PDB file of all heavy atoms in Angstrom:
ATOM      1  N   LYS A   1       2.265  -6.329 -17.649  1.00  0.00           N
ATOM      2  CA  LYS A   1       2.401  -5.551 -16.430  1.00  0.00           C
ATOM      3  C   LYS A   1       1.511  -4.441 -16.332  1.00  0.00           C
ATOM      4  O   LYS A   1       0.774  -3.995 -17.349  1.00  0.00           O
ATOM      5  CB  LYS A   1       3.845  -4.985 -16.452  1.00  0.00           C
ATOM      6  CG  LYS A   1       5.095  -5.931 -16.617  1.00  0.00           C
ATOM      7  CD  LYS A   1       5.139  -6.740 -15.450  1.00  0.00           C
ATOM      8  CE  LYS A   1       6.320  -7.680 -15.549  1.00  0.00           C
ATOM      9  NZ  LYS A   1       6.477  -8.607 -14.439  1.00  0.00           N
ATOM     10  N   PHE A   2       1.150  -3.994 -15.083  1.00  0.00           N
ATOM     11  CA  PHE A   2       0.247  -2.850 -15.009  1.00  0.00           C
ATOM     12  C   PHE A   2       0.926  -1.599 -15.398  1.00  0.00           C
ATOM     13  O   PHE A   2       2.207  -1.447 -15.093  1.00  0.00           O
ATOM     14  CB  PHE A   2      -0.048  -2.689 -13.495  1.00  0.00           C
ATOM     15  CG  PHE A   2      -1.100  -3.589 -12.992  1.00  0.00           C
ATOM     16  CD1 PHE A   2      -0.778  -5.008 -12.647  1.00  0.00           C
ATOM     17  CD2 PHE A   2      -2.444  -3.263 -12.722  1.00  0.00           C
ATOM     18  CE1 PHE A   2      -1.748  -5.775 -12.123  1.00  0.00           C
ATOM     19  CE2 PHE A   2      -3.392  -4.101 -12.241  1.00  0.00           C
ATOM     20  CZ  PHE A   2      -3.002  -5.491 -12.024  1.00  0.00           C
ATOM     21  N   SER A   3       0.164  -0.722 -16.026  1.00  0.00           N
ATOM     22  CA  SER A   3       0.771   0.632 -16.457  1.00  0.00           C
ATOM     23  C   SER A   3       0.846   1.452 -15.247  1.00  0.00           C
ATOM     24  O   SER A   3       0.196   1.174 -14.251  1.00  0.00           O
ATOM     25  CB  SER A   3      -0.022   1.217 -17.582  1.00  0.00           C
ATOM     26  OG  SER A   3      -1.283   1.568 -17.082  1.00  0.00           O
ATOM     27  N   THR A   4       1.479   2.616 -15.328  1.00  0.00           N
ATOM     28  CA  THR A   4       1.573   3.588 -14.195  1.00  0.00           C
ATOM     29  C   THR A   4       0.135   4.032 -13.899  1.00  0.00           C
ATOM     30  O   THR A   4      -0.248   4.101 -12.757  1.00  0.00           O
ATOM     31  CB  THR A   4       2.419   4.888 -14.667  1.00  0.00           C
ATOM     32  OG1 THR A   4       3.735   4.326 -14.837  1.00  0.00           O
ATOM     33  CG2 THR A   4       2.537   5.944 -13.559  1.00  0.00           C
ATOM     34  N   ASN A   5      -0.616   4.423 -14.993  1.00  0.00           N
ATOM     35  CA  ASN A   5      -1.957   4.779 -14.581  1.00  0.00           C
ATOM     36  C   ASN A   5      -2.833   3.653 -13.944  1.00  0.00           C
ATOM     37  O   ASN A   5      -3.599   4.049 -12.987  1.00  0.00           O
ATOM     38  CB  ASN A   5      -2.666   5.114 -16.034  1.00  0.00           C
ATOM     39  CG  ASN A   5      -4.037   5.881 -15.743  1.00  0.00           C
ATOM     40  OD1 ASN A   5      -4.155   6.730 -14.930  1.00  0.00           O
ATOM     41  ND2 ASN A   5      -5.012   5.536 -16.598  1.00  0.00           N
ATOM     42  N   GLU A   6      -2.635   2.483 -14.342  1.00  0.00           N
ATOM     43  CA  GLU A   6      -3.447   1.370 -13.716  1.00  0.00           C
ATOM     44  C   GLU A   6      -2.931   1.266 -12.280  1.00  0.00           C
ATOM     45  O   GLU A   6      -3.839   0.960 -11.385  1.00  0.00           O
ATOM     46  CB  GLU A   6      -3.147   0.096 -14.467  1.00  0.00           C
ATOM     47  CG  GLU A   6      -3.857  -0.005 -15.674  1.00  0.00           C
ATOM     48  CD  GLU A   6      -3.538  -1.255 -16.512  1.00  0.00           C
ATOM     49  OE1 GLU A   6      -2.286  -1.519 -16.656  1.00  0.00           O
ATOM     50  OE2 GLU A   6      -4.533  -1.978 -17.112  1.00  0.00           O
ATOM     51  N   ILE A   7      -1.773   1.372 -12.041  1.00  0.00           N
ATOM     52  CA  ILE A   7      -1.130   1.199 -10.608  1.00  0.00           C
ATOM     53  C   ILE A   7      -1.775   2.293  -9.677  1.00  0.00           C
ATOM     54  O   ILE A   7      -2.176   2.189  -8.585  1.00  0.00           O
ATOM     55  CB  ILE A   7       0.365   1.275 -10.613  1.00  0.00           C
ATOM     56  CG1 ILE A   7       0.958  -0.028 -11.089  1.00  0.00           C
ATOM     57  CG2 ILE A   7       0.932   1.483  -9.124  1.00  0.00           C
ATOM     58  CD1 ILE A   7       2.355   0.005 -11.301  1.00  0.00           C
ATOM     59  N   LEU A   8      -1.742   3.598 -10.320  1.00  0.00           N
ATOM     60  CA  LEU A   8      -2.209   4.786  -9.409  1.00  0.00           C
ATOM     61  C   LEU A   8      -3.727   4.604  -9.199  1.00  0.00           C
ATOM     62  O   LEU A   8      -4.214   5.370  -8.437  1.00  0.00           O
ATOM     63  CB  LEU A   8      -1.878   6.028 -10.197  1.00  0.00           C
ATOM     64  CG  LEU A   8      -0.362   6.381 -10.258  1.00  0.00           C
ATOM     65  CD1 LEU A   8      -0.148   7.603 -11.023  1.00  0.00           C
ATOM     66  CD2 LEU A   8       0.191   6.441  -8.831  1.00  0.00           C
ATOM     67  N   ASN A   9      -4.352   3.905 -10.056  1.00  0.00           N
ATOM     68  CA  ASN A   9      -5.856   3.740  -9.859  1.00  0.00           C
ATOM     69  C   ASN A   9      -6.298   2.494  -9.224  1.00  0.00           C
ATOM     70  O   ASN A   9      -7.530   2.178  -9.218  1.00  0.00           O
ATOM     71  CB  ASN A   9      -6.520   3.980 -11.366  1.00  0.00           C
ATOM     72  CG  ASN A   9      -6.600   5.334 -11.758  1.00  0.00           C
ATOM     73  OD1 ASN A   9      -7.083   6.195 -10.984  1.00  0.00           O
ATOM     74  ND2 ASN A   9      -6.057   5.727 -12.940  1.00  0.00           N
ATOM     75  N   THR A  10      -5.351   1.657  -8.669  1.00  0.00           N
ATOM     76  CA  THR A  10      -5.775   0.549  -7.982  1.00  0.00           C
ATOM     77  C   THR A  10      -6.438   0.933  -6.605  1.00  0.00           C
ATOM     78  O   THR A  10      -6.074   1.991  -6.045  1.00  0.00           O
ATOM     79  CB  THR A  10      -4.679  -0.301  -7.733  1.00  0.00           C
ATOM     80  OG1 THR A  10      -3.618   0.299  -7.007  1.00  0.00           O
ATOM     81  CG2 THR A  10      -3.961  -0.852  -9.011  1.00  0.00           C
ATOM     82  N   PHE A  11      -7.379   0.247  -6.048  1.00  0.00           N
ATOM     83  CA  PHE A  11      -7.799   0.496  -4.787  1.00  0.00           C
ATOM     84  C   PHE A  11      -6.957  -0.375  -3.794  1.00  0.00           C
ATOM     85  O   PHE A  11      -6.724  -1.449  -4.030  1.00  0.00           O
ATOM     86  CB  PHE A  11      -9.323   0.054  -4.632  1.00  0.00           C
ATOM     87  CG  PHE A  11      -9.814   0.328  -3.182  1.00  0.00           C
ATOM     88  CD1 PHE A  11     -10.301   1.599  -2.928  1.00  0.00           C
ATOM     89  CD2 PHE A  11      -9.722  -0.557  -2.166  1.00  0.00           C
ATOM     90  CE1 PHE A  11     -10.813   1.901  -1.740  1.00  0.00           C
ATOM     91  CE2 PHE A  11     -10.136  -0.285  -0.914  1.00  0.00           C
ATOM     92  CZ  PHE A  11     -10.715   0.941  -0.626  1.00  0.00           C
ATOM     93  N   PRO A  12      -6.432   0.206  -2.821  1.00  0.00           N
ATOM     94  CA  PRO A  12      -6.772   1.532  -2.097  1.00  0.00           C
ATOM     95  C   PRO A  12      -5.856   2.669  -2.449  1.00  0.00           C
ATOM     96  O   PRO A  12      -6.072   3.853  -1.874  1.00  0.00           O
ATOM     97  CB  PRO A  12      -6.588   1.076  -0.577  1.00  0.00           C
ATOM     98  CG  PRO A  12      -5.509   0.193  -0.638  1.00  0.00           C
ATOM     99  CD  PRO A  12      -5.701  -0.601  -1.926  1.00  0.00           C
ATOM    100  N   LEU A  13      -4.885   2.569  -3.380  1.00  0.00           N
ATOM    101  CA  LEU A  13      -3.966   3.738  -3.560  1.00  0.00           C
ATOM    102  C   LEU A  13      -4.624   4.826  -4.136  1.00  0.00           C
ATOM    103  O   LEU A  13      -4.360   5.989  -3.764  1.00  0.00           O
ATOM    104  CB  LEU A  13      -2.918   3.126  -4.605  1.00  0.00           C
ATOM    105  CG  LEU A  13      -1.745   4.198  -4.946  1.00  0.00           C
ATOM    106  CD1 LEU A  13      -1.136   4.545  -3.491  1.00  0.00           C
ATOM    107  CD2 LEU A  13      -0.779   3.574  -5.770  1.00  0.00           C
ATOM    108  N   ARG A  14      -5.691   4.677  -5.056  1.00  0.00           N
ATOM    109  CA  ARG A  14      -6.327   5.827  -5.556  1.00  0.00           C
ATOM    110  C   ARG A  14      -7.121   6.676  -4.518  1.00  0.00           C
ATOM    111  O   ARG A  14      -7.286   7.879  -4.716  1.00  0.00           O
ATOM    112  CB  ARG A  14      -7.275   5.352  -6.647  1.00  0.00           C
ATOM    113  CG  ARG A  14      -8.531   4.750  -6.131  1.00  0.00           C
ATOM    114  CD  ARG A  14      -9.522   4.507  -7.330  1.00  0.00           C
ATOM    115  NE  ARG A  14     -10.698   3.730  -6.715  1.00  0.00           N
ATOM    116  CZ  ARG A  14     -10.764   2.406  -6.948  1.00  0.00           C
ATOM    117  NH1 ARG A  14     -10.041   1.865  -7.680  1.00  0.00           N
ATOM    118  NH2 ARG A  14     -11.837   1.820  -6.517  1.00  0.00           N
ATOM    119  N   LYS A  15      -7.461   6.164  -3.354  1.00  0.00           N
ATOM    120  CA  LYS A  15      -8.058   6.865  -2.342  1.00  0.00           C
ATOM    121  C   LYS A  15      -7.184   7.298  -1.289  1.00  0.00           C
ATOM    122  O   LYS A  15      -7.532   8.262  -0.487  1.00  0.00           O
ATOM    123  CB  LYS A  15      -9.217   5.952  -1.757  1.00  0.00           C
ATOM    124  CG  LYS A  15     -10.098   6.577  -0.700  1.00  0.00           C
ATOM    125  CD  LYS A  15     -11.199   5.677  -0.171  1.00  0.00           C
ATOM    126  CE  LYS A  15     -11.928   6.299   1.048  1.00  0.00           C
ATOM    127  NZ  LYS A  15     -12.732   5.266   1.692  1.00  0.00           N
ATOM    128  N   ALA A  16      -5.993   6.778  -1.243  1.00  0.00           N
ATOM    129  CA  ALA A  16      -5.080   7.111  -0.079  1.00  0.00           C
ATOM    130  C   ALA A  16      -4.468   8.477  -0.188  1.00  0.00           C
ATOM    131  O   ALA A  16      -3.989   8.874  -1.183  1.00  0.00           O
ATOM    132  CB  ALA A  16      -3.950   5.956  -0.024  1.00  0.00           C
ATOM    133  N   VAL A  17      -4.492   9.172   0.986  1.00  0.00           N
ATOM    134  CA  VAL A  17      -3.818  10.499   1.079  1.00  0.00           C
ATOM    135  C   VAL A  17      -2.308  10.265   1.640  1.00  0.00           C
ATOM    136  O   VAL A  17      -1.459  10.981   1.351  1.00  0.00           O
ATOM    137  CB  VAL A  17      -4.558  11.361   1.981  1.00  0.00           C
ATOM    138  CG1 VAL A  17      -3.839  12.674   2.254  1.00  0.00           C
ATOM    139  CG2 VAL A  17      -6.013  11.755   1.452  1.00  0.00           C
ATOM    140  N   LYS A  18      -2.210   9.258   2.528  1.00  0.00           N
ATOM    141  CA  LYS A  18      -1.009   8.886   3.107  1.00  0.00           C
ATOM    142  C   LYS A  18      -0.885   7.356   3.219  1.00  0.00           C
ATOM    143  O   LYS A  18      -1.867   6.584   3.351  1.00  0.00           O
ATOM    144  CB  LYS A  18      -0.960   9.499   4.597  1.00  0.00           C
ATOM    145  CG  LYS A  18       0.387   9.231   5.306  1.00  0.00           C
ATOM    146  CD  LYS A  18       0.471  10.007   6.609  1.00  0.00           C
ATOM    147  CE  LYS A  18      -0.864  10.045   7.499  1.00  0.00           C
ATOM    148  NZ  LYS A  18      -0.655  10.732   8.755  1.00  0.00           N
ATOM    149  N   VAL A  19       0.284   6.802   3.013  1.00  0.00           N
ATOM    150  CA  VAL A  19       0.637   5.313   3.210  1.00  0.00           C
ATOM    151  C   VAL A  19       1.820   5.202   4.118  1.00  0.00           C
ATOM    152  O   VAL A  19       2.720   5.909   4.076  1.00  0.00           O
ATOM    153  CB  VAL A  19       1.058   4.763   1.861  1.00  0.00           C
ATOM    154  CG1 VAL A  19       1.271   3.342   1.879  1.00  0.00           C
ATOM    155  CG2 VAL A  19      -0.161   4.990   0.771  1.00  0.00           C
ATOM    156  N   LYS A  20       1.566   4.260   5.078  1.00  0.00           N
ATOM    157  CA  LYS A  20       2.693   3.904   6.011  1.00  0.00           C
ATOM    158  C   LYS A  20       2.871   2.433   5.961  1.00  0.00           C
ATOM    159  O   LYS A  20       1.924   1.536   5.662  1.00  0.00           O
ATOM    160  CB  LYS A  20       2.141   4.164   7.430  1.00  0.00           C
ATOM    161  CG  LYS A  20       2.027   5.597   7.840  1.00  0.00           C
ATOM    162  CD  LYS A  20       1.532   5.805   9.327  1.00  0.00           C
ATOM    163  CE  LYS A  20       1.321   7.149   9.592  1.00  0.00           C
ATOM    164  NZ  LYS A  20       0.911   7.308  11.179  1.00  0.00           N
ATOM    165  N   ILE A  21       4.115   1.966   6.126  1.00  0.00           N
ATOM    166  CA  ILE A  21       4.343   0.641   6.429  1.00  0.00           C
ATOM    167  C   ILE A  21       4.851   0.416   7.832  1.00  0.00           C
ATOM    168  O   ILE A  21       5.433   1.299   8.450  1.00  0.00           O
ATOM    169  CB  ILE A  21       5.461   0.095   5.393  1.00  0.00           C
ATOM    170  CG1 ILE A  21       6.773   0.865   5.539  1.00  0.00           C
ATOM    171  CG2 ILE A  21       4.905   0.033   3.925  1.00  0.00           C
ATOM    172  CD1 ILE A  21       7.981   0.324   4.679  1.00  0.00           C
ATOM    173  N   ILE A  22       4.433  -0.745   8.408  1.00  0.00           N
ATOM    174  CA  ILE A  22       4.607  -0.914   9.899  1.00  0.00           C
ATOM    175  C   ILE A  22       5.277  -2.275  10.079  1.00  0.00           C
ATOM    176  O   ILE A  22       5.094  -3.206   9.309  1.00  0.00           O
ATOM    177  CB  ILE A  22       3.454  -0.600  10.778  1.00  0.00           C
ATOM    178  CG1 ILE A  22       2.348  -1.620  10.390  1.00  0.00           C
ATOM    179  CG2 ILE A  22       2.949   0.760  10.549  1.00  0.00           C
ATOM    180  CD1 ILE A  22       1.092  -1.631  11.221  1.00  0.00           C
ATOM    181  N   SER A  23       5.845  -2.459  11.334  1.00  0.00           N
ATOM    182  CA  SER A  23       6.199  -3.839  11.811  1.00  0.00           C
ATOM    183  C   SER A  23       5.533  -3.867  13.171  1.00  0.00           C
ATOM    184  O   SER A  23       5.507  -2.925  13.866  1.00  0.00           O
ATOM    185  CB  SER A  23       7.679  -4.074  11.842  1.00  0.00           C
ATOM    186  OG  SER A  23       8.334  -3.146  12.739  1.00  0.00           O
ATOM    187  N   TYR A  24       5.103  -5.090  13.608  1.00  0.00           N
ATOM    188  CA  TYR A  24       4.521  -5.349  14.853  1.00  0.00           C
ATOM    189  C   TYR A  24       4.648  -6.791  15.193  1.00  0.00           C
ATOM    190  O   TYR A  24       4.917  -7.608  14.299  1.00  0.00           O
ATOM    191  CB  TYR A  24       3.030  -4.873  14.951  1.00  0.00           C
ATOM    192  CG  TYR A  24       2.210  -5.501  13.869  1.00  0.00           C
ATOM    193  CD1 TYR A  24       1.278  -6.562  14.133  1.00  0.00           C
ATOM    194  CD2 TYR A  24       2.163  -4.990  12.544  1.00  0.00           C
ATOM    195  CE1 TYR A  24       0.521  -7.160  13.202  1.00  0.00           C
ATOM    196  CE2 TYR A  24       1.377  -5.639  11.627  1.00  0.00           C
ATOM    197  CZ  TYR A  24       0.593  -6.696  11.830  1.00  0.00           C
ATOM    198  OH  TYR A  24      -0.146  -7.184  10.903  1.00  0.00           O
ATOM    199  N   ASN A  25       4.488  -7.161  16.473  1.00  0.00           N
ATOM    200  CA  ASN A  25       4.536  -8.611  16.887  1.00  0.00           C
ATOM    201  C   ASN A  25       5.937  -9.183  16.547  1.00  0.00           C
ATOM    202  O   ASN A  25       5.980 -10.487  16.324  1.00  0.00           O
ATOM    203  CB  ASN A  25       3.435  -9.351  16.280  1.00  0.00           C
ATOM    204  CG  ASN A  25       2.067  -9.058  16.755  1.00  0.00           C
ATOM    205  OD1 ASN A  25       1.859  -8.501  17.889  1.00  0.00           O
ATOM    206  ND2 ASN A  25       1.035  -9.330  16.093  1.00  0.00           N
ATOM    207  N   ILE A  26       6.932  -8.430  16.485  1.00  0.00           N
ATOM    208  CA  ILE A  26       8.205  -8.987  16.095  1.00  0.00           C
ATOM    209  C   ILE A  26       8.865  -9.752  17.342  1.00  0.00           C
ATOM    210  O   ILE A  26       9.771 -10.464  17.187  1.00  0.00           O
ATOM    211  CB  ILE A  26       9.256  -7.986  15.447  1.00  0.00           C
ATOM    212  CG1 ILE A  26       9.425  -6.718  16.420  1.00  0.00           C
ATOM    213  CG2 ILE A  26       8.715  -7.528  14.104  1.00  0.00           C
ATOM    214  CD1 ILE A  26      10.463  -5.759  15.962  1.00  0.00           C
ATOM    215  N   ASN A  27       8.350  -9.403  18.525  1.00  0.00           N
ATOM    216  CA  ASN A  27       8.887 -10.097  19.715  1.00  0.00           C
ATOM    217  C   ASN A  27       8.129 -11.313  20.075  1.00  0.00           C
ATOM    218  O   ASN A  27       8.336 -11.836  21.154  1.00  0.00           O
ATOM    219  CB  ASN A  27       9.000  -8.973  20.858  1.00  0.00           C
ATOM    220  CG  ASN A  27      10.034  -7.996  20.613  1.00  0.00           C
ATOM    221  OD1 ASN A  27      11.069  -8.201  20.012  1.00  0.00           O
ATOM    222  ND2 ASN A  27       9.621  -6.721  20.836  1.00  0.00           N
ATOM    223  N   PHE A  28       7.173 -11.838  19.339  1.00  0.00           N
ATOM    224  CA  PHE A  28       6.441 -12.888  19.591  1.00  0.00           C
ATOM    225  C   PHE A  28       6.605 -13.992  18.508  1.00  0.00           C
ATOM    226  O   PHE A  28       6.596 -13.776  17.363  1.00  0.00           O
ATOM    227  CB  PHE A  28       4.848 -12.592  19.550  1.00  0.00           C
ATOM    228  CG  PHE A  28       4.574 -11.620  20.787  1.00  0.00           C
ATOM    229  CD1 PHE A  28       4.541 -10.330  20.493  1.00  0.00           C
ATOM    230  CD2 PHE A  28       4.260 -12.030  21.884  1.00  0.00           C
ATOM    231  CE1 PHE A  28       4.193  -9.439  21.545  1.00  0.00           C
ATOM    232  CE2 PHE A  28       3.983 -11.219  22.938  1.00  0.00           C
ATOM    233  CZ  PHE A  28       3.901  -9.825  22.711  1.00  0.00           C
ATOM    234  N   ILE A  29       6.865 -15.235  19.008  1.00  0.00           N
ATOM    235  CA  ILE A  29       7.143 -16.367  17.979  1.00  0.00           C
ATOM    236  C   ILE A  29       5.930 -16.799  17.203  1.00  0.00           C
ATOM    237  O   ILE A  29       5.886 -17.237  16.256  1.00  0.00           O
ATOM    238  CB  ILE A  29       7.896 -17.425  18.687  1.00  0.00           C
ATOM    239  CG1 ILE A  29       8.543 -18.384  17.537  1.00  0.00           C
ATOM    240  CG2 ILE A  29       7.004 -18.277  19.610  1.00  0.00           C
ATOM    241  CD1 ILE A  29       9.714 -19.082  18.003  1.00  0.00           C
TER     242      ILE A  29
END
């Protein structure tokens, strides 16, 4: 498994100031 330090240093997380999750196109098949 990845350690906490390894997770925090993955790209793009290490560069991110803010992270959002989104949904889109949910009304299109």
